Amino acid sequence: MYEDAEGRRTTDPGAGAAHADSEADRNAEHLQRGEVGPGVPEE
């Protein structure tokens, strides 16, 4: 069983990897905008 930070679960390792990649991309976008937490802009 693979579970990501958002609670998505799968038994397929390919889907688990895809979920992890999409989370990494989303996190990178947040960091580029200067956010340091969920919707919190850097001071």
PDB file of N, CA and C in Angstrom:
ATOM      1  N   MET A   1       0.855  -1.181   0.000  1.00  0.00           N
ATOM      2  CA  MET A   1       0.000   0.000   0.000  1.00  0.00           C
ATOM      3  C   MET A   1       0.893   1.233   0.000  1.00  0.00           C
ATOM      4  N   TYR A   2       0.588   2.148  -0.894  1.00  0.00           N
ATOM      5  CA  TYR A   2       1.298   3.422  -0.983  1.00  0.00           C
ATOM      6  C   TYR A   2       0.310   4.531  -0.620  1.00  0.00           C
ATOM      7  N   GLU A   3       0.738   5.451   0.231  1.00  0.00           N
ATOM      8  CA  GLU A   3      -0.107   6.581   0.619  1.00  0.00           C
ATOM      9  C   GLU A   3       0.718   7.855   0.589  1.00  0.00           C
ATOM     10  N   ASP A   4       0.139   8.907  -0.001  1.00  0.00           N
ATOM     11  CA  ASP A   4       0.865  10.166  -0.063  1.00  0.00           C
ATOM     12  C   ASP A   4       0.420  11.096   1.056  1.00  0.00           C
ATOM     13  N   ALA A   5       1.006  12.277   1.088  1.00  0.00           N
ATOM     14  CA  ALA A   5       0.726  13.234   2.161  1.00  0.00           C
ATOM     15  C   ALA A   5      -0.726  13.701   2.170  1.00  0.00           C
ATOM     16  N   GLU A   6      -1.396  13.613   1.038  1.00  0.00           N
ATOM     17  CA  GLU A   6      -2.789  14.037   0.960  1.00  0.00           C
ATOM     18  C   GLU A   6      -3.756  12.899   1.249  1.00  0.00           C
ATOM     19  N   GLY A   7      -3.229  11.716   1.568  1.00  0.00           N
ATOM     20  CA  GLY A   7      -4.078  10.594   1.927  1.00  0.00           C
ATOM     21  C   GLY A   7      -4.518   9.726   0.764  1.00  0.00           C
ATOM     22  N   ARG A   8      -4.014   9.996  -0.430  1.00  0.00           N
ATOM     23  CA  ARG A   8      -4.353   9.140  -1.571  1.00  0.00           C
ATOM     24  C   ARG A   8      -3.651   7.808  -1.388  1.00  0.00           C
ATOM     25  N   ARG A   9      -4.399   6.722  -1.532  1.00  0.00           N
ATOM     26  CA  ARG A   9      -3.834   5.382  -1.353  1.00  0.00           C
ATOM     27  C   ARG A   9      -3.948   4.583  -2.636  1.00  0.00           C
ATOM     28  N   THR A  10      -2.950   3.747  -2.872  1.00  0.00           N
ATOM     29  CA  THR A  10      -2.957   2.873  -4.029  1.00  0.00           C
ATOM     30  C   THR A  10      -2.064   1.672  -3.753  1.00  0.00           C
ATOM     31  N   THR A  11      -2.342   0.575  -4.448  1.00  0.00           N
ATOM     32  CA  THR A  11      -1.461  -0.590  -4.367  1.00  0.00           C
ATOM     33  C   THR A  11      -0.556  -0.661  -5.587  1.00  0.00           C
ATOM     34  N   ASP A  12      -0.766   0.255  -6.529  1.00  0.00           N
ATOM     35  CA  ASP A  12       0.026   0.302  -7.756  1.00  0.00           C
ATOM     36  C   ASP A  12       1.253   1.188  -7.545  1.00  0.00           C
ATOM     37  N   PRO A  13       2.454   0.609  -7.626  1.00  0.00           N
ATOM     38  CA  PRO A  13       3.651   1.426  -7.401  1.00  0.00           C
ATOM     39  C   PRO A  13       3.803   2.541  -8.434  1.00  0.00           C
ATOM     40  N   GLY A  14       3.333   2.346  -9.655  1.00  0.00           N
ATOM     41  CA  GLY A  14       3.404   3.394 -10.674  1.00  0.00           C
ATOM     42  C   GLY A  14       2.536   4.578 -10.318  1.00  0.00           C
ATOM     43  N   ALA A  15       1.332   4.303  -9.823  1.00  0.00           N
ATOM     44  CA  ALA A  15       0.432   5.385  -9.410  1.00  0.00           C
ATOM     45  C   ALA A  15       1.001   6.090  -8.180  1.00  0.00           C
ATOM     46  N   GLY A  16       1.599   5.326  -7.277  1.00  0.00           N
ATOM     47  CA  GLY A  16       2.224   5.933  -6.099  1.00  0.00           C
ATOM     48  C   GLY A  16       3.341   6.886  -6.492  1.00  0.00           C
ATOM     49  N   ALA A  17       4.137   6.490  -7.476  1.00  0.00           N
ATOM     50  CA  ALA A  17       5.215   7.348  -7.957  1.00  0.00           C
ATOM     51  C   ALA A  17       4.656   8.587  -8.641  1.00  0.00           C
ATOM     52  N   ALA A  18       3.579   8.421  -9.397  1.00  0.00           N
ATOM     53  CA  ALA A  18       2.962   9.566 -10.071  1.00  0.00           C
ATOM     54  C   ALA A  18       2.418  10.563  -9.055  1.00  0.00           C
ATOM     55  N   HIS A  19       1.802  10.060  -7.987  1.00  0.00           N
ATOM     56  CA  HIS A  19       1.296  10.939  -6.936  1.00  0.00           C
ATOM     57  C   HIS A  19       2.450  11.711  -6.300  1.00  0.00           C
ATOM     58  N   ALA A  20       3.552  11.018  -6.020  1.00  0.00           N
ATOM     59  CA  ALA A  20       4.708  11.670  -5.396  1.00  0.00           C
ATOM     60  C   ALA A  20       5.281  12.744  -6.322  1.00  0.00           C
ATOM     61  N   ASP A  21       5.349  12.446  -7.611  1.00  0.00           N
ATOM     62  CA  ASP A  21       5.865  13.437  -8.564  1.00  0.00           C
ATOM     63  C   ASP A  21       4.971  14.665  -8.619  1.00  0.00           C
ATOM     64  N   SER A  22       3.656  14.460  -8.621  1.00  0.00           N
ATOM     65  CA  SER A  22       2.750  15.609  -8.696  1.00  0.00           C
ATOM     66  C   SER A  22       2.834  16.449  -7.422  1.00  0.00           C
ATOM     67  N   GLU A  23       3.021  15.796  -6.276  1.00  0.00           N
ATOM     68  CA  GLU A  23       3.193  16.547  -5.030  1.00  0.00           C
ATOM     69  C   GLU A  23       4.479  17.359  -5.060  1.00  0.00           C
ATOM     70  N   ALA A  24       5.543  16.767  -5.567  1.00  0.00           N
ATOM     71  CA  ALA A  24       6.828  17.475  -5.641  1.00  0.00           C
ATOM     72  C   ALA A  24       6.712  18.694  -6.545  1.00  0.00           C
ATOM     73  N   ASP A  25       6.032  18.536  -7.683  1.00  0.00           N
ATOM     74  CA  ASP A  25       5.841  19.670  -8.594  1.00  0.00           C
ATOM     75  C   ASP A  25       5.038  20.774  -7.921  1.00  0.00           C
ATOM     76  N   ARG A  26       3.974  20.392  -7.212  1.00  0.00           N
ATOM     77  CA  ARG A  26       3.124  21.369  -6.526  1.00  0.00           C
ATOM     78  C   ARG A  26       3.914  22.080  -5.434  1.00  0.00           C
ATOM     79  N   ASN A  27       4.723  21.339  -4.690  1.00  0.00           N
ATOM     80  CA  ASN A  27       5.536  21.956  -3.639  1.00  0.00           C
ATOM     81  C   ASN A  27       6.543  22.932  -4.224  1.00  0.00           C
ATOM     82  N   ALA A  28       7.140  22.584  -5.353  1.00  0.00           N
ATOM     83  CA  ALA A  28       8.106  23.474  -6.000  1.00  0.00           C
ATOM     84  C   ALA A  28       7.424  24.778  -6.431  1.00  0.00           C
ATOM     85  N   GLU A  29       6.194  24.682  -6.935  1.00  0.00           N
ATOM     86  CA  GLU A  29       5.456  25.885  -7.328  1.00  0.00           C
ATOM     87  C   GLU A  29       5.205  26.786  -6.120  1.00  0.00           C
ATOM     88  N   HIS A  30       4.852  26.195  -5.002  1.00  0.00           N
ATOM     89  CA  HIS A  30       4.618  26.984  -3.781  1.00  0.00           C
ATOM     90  C   HIS A  30       5.900  27.673  -3.330  1.00  0.00           C
ATOM     91  N   LEU A  31       7.013  26.964  -3.381  1.00  0.00           N
ATOM     92  CA  LEU A  31       8.288  27.549  -2.970  1.00  0.00           C
ATOM     93  C   LEU A  31       8.700  28.679  -3.904  1.00  0.00           C
ATOM     94  N   GLN A  32       8.421  28.538  -5.199  1.00  0.00           N
ATOM     95  CA  GLN A  32       8.753  29.604  -6.150  1.00  0.00           C
ATOM     96  C   GLN A  32       7.962  30.870  -5.848  1.00  0.00           C
ATOM     97  N   ARG A  33       6.757  30.722  -5.303  1.00  0.00           N
ATOM     98  CA  ARG A  33       5.937  31.880  -4.947  1.00  0.00           C
ATOM     99  C   ARG A  33       6.342  32.447  -3.585  1.00  0.00           C
ATOM    100  N   GLY A  34       7.283  31.794  -2.896  1.00  0.00           N
ATOM    101  CA  GLY A  34       7.757  32.286  -1.617  1.00  0.00           C
ATOM    102  C   GLY A  34       6.963  31.804  -0.425  1.00  0.00           C
ATOM    103  N   GLU A  35       6.096  30.818  -0.623  1.00  0.00           N
ATOM    104  CA  GLU A  35       5.310  30.302   0.501  1.00  0.00           C
ATOM    105  C   GLU A  35       6.198  29.376   1.340  1.00  0.00           C
ATOM    106  N   VAL A  36       6.054  29.475   2.649  1.00  0.00           N
ATOM    107  CA  VAL A  36       6.836  28.637   3.548  1.00  0.00           C
ATOM    108  C   VAL A  36       5.959  27.595   4.235  1.00  0.00           C
ATOM    109  N   GLY A  37       4.674  27.663   4.035  1.00  0.00           N
ATOM    110  CA  GLY A  37       3.732  26.709   4.607  1.00  0.00           C
ATOM    111  C   GLY A  37       2.454  26.737   3.792  1.00  0.00           C
ATOM    112  N   PRO A  38       1.453  25.998   4.207  1.00  0.00           N
ATOM    113  CA  PRO A  38       0.209  25.945   3.447  1.00  0.00           C
ATOM    114  C   PRO A  38      -0.438  27.329   3.301  1.00  0.00           C
ATOM    115  N   GLY A  39      -0.206  27.961   2.179  1.00  0.00           N
ATOM    116  CA  GLY A  39      -0.812  29.251   1.901  1.00  0.00           C
ATOM    117  C   GLY A  39      -0.241  30.407   2.686  1.00  0.00           C
ATOM    118  N   VAL A  40       0.931  30.211   3.315  1.00  0.00           N
ATOM    119  CA  VAL A  40       1.528  31.263   4.136  1.00  0.00           C
ATOM    120  C   VAL A  40       2.676  31.909   3.367  1.00  0.00           C
ATOM    121  N   PRO A  41       2.524  33.175   2.995  1.00  0.00           N
ATOM    122  CA  PRO A  41       3.630  33.832   2.283  1.00  0.00           C
ATOM    123  C   PRO A  41       4.821  34.080   3.209  1.00  0.00           C
ATOM    124  N   GLU A  42       6.008  34.050   2.622  1.00  0.00           N
ATOM    125  CA  GLU A  42       7.226  34.314   3.409  1.00  0.00           C
ATOM    126  C   GLU A  42       7.231  35.764   3.850  1.00  0.00           C
ATOM    127  N   GLU A  43       7.690  36.019   5.050  1.00  0.00           N
ATOM    128  CA  GLU A  43       7.722  37.395   5.574  1.00  0.00           C
ATOM    129  C   GLU A  43       8.918  38.156   5.053  1.00  0.00           C
TER     130      GLU A  43
END
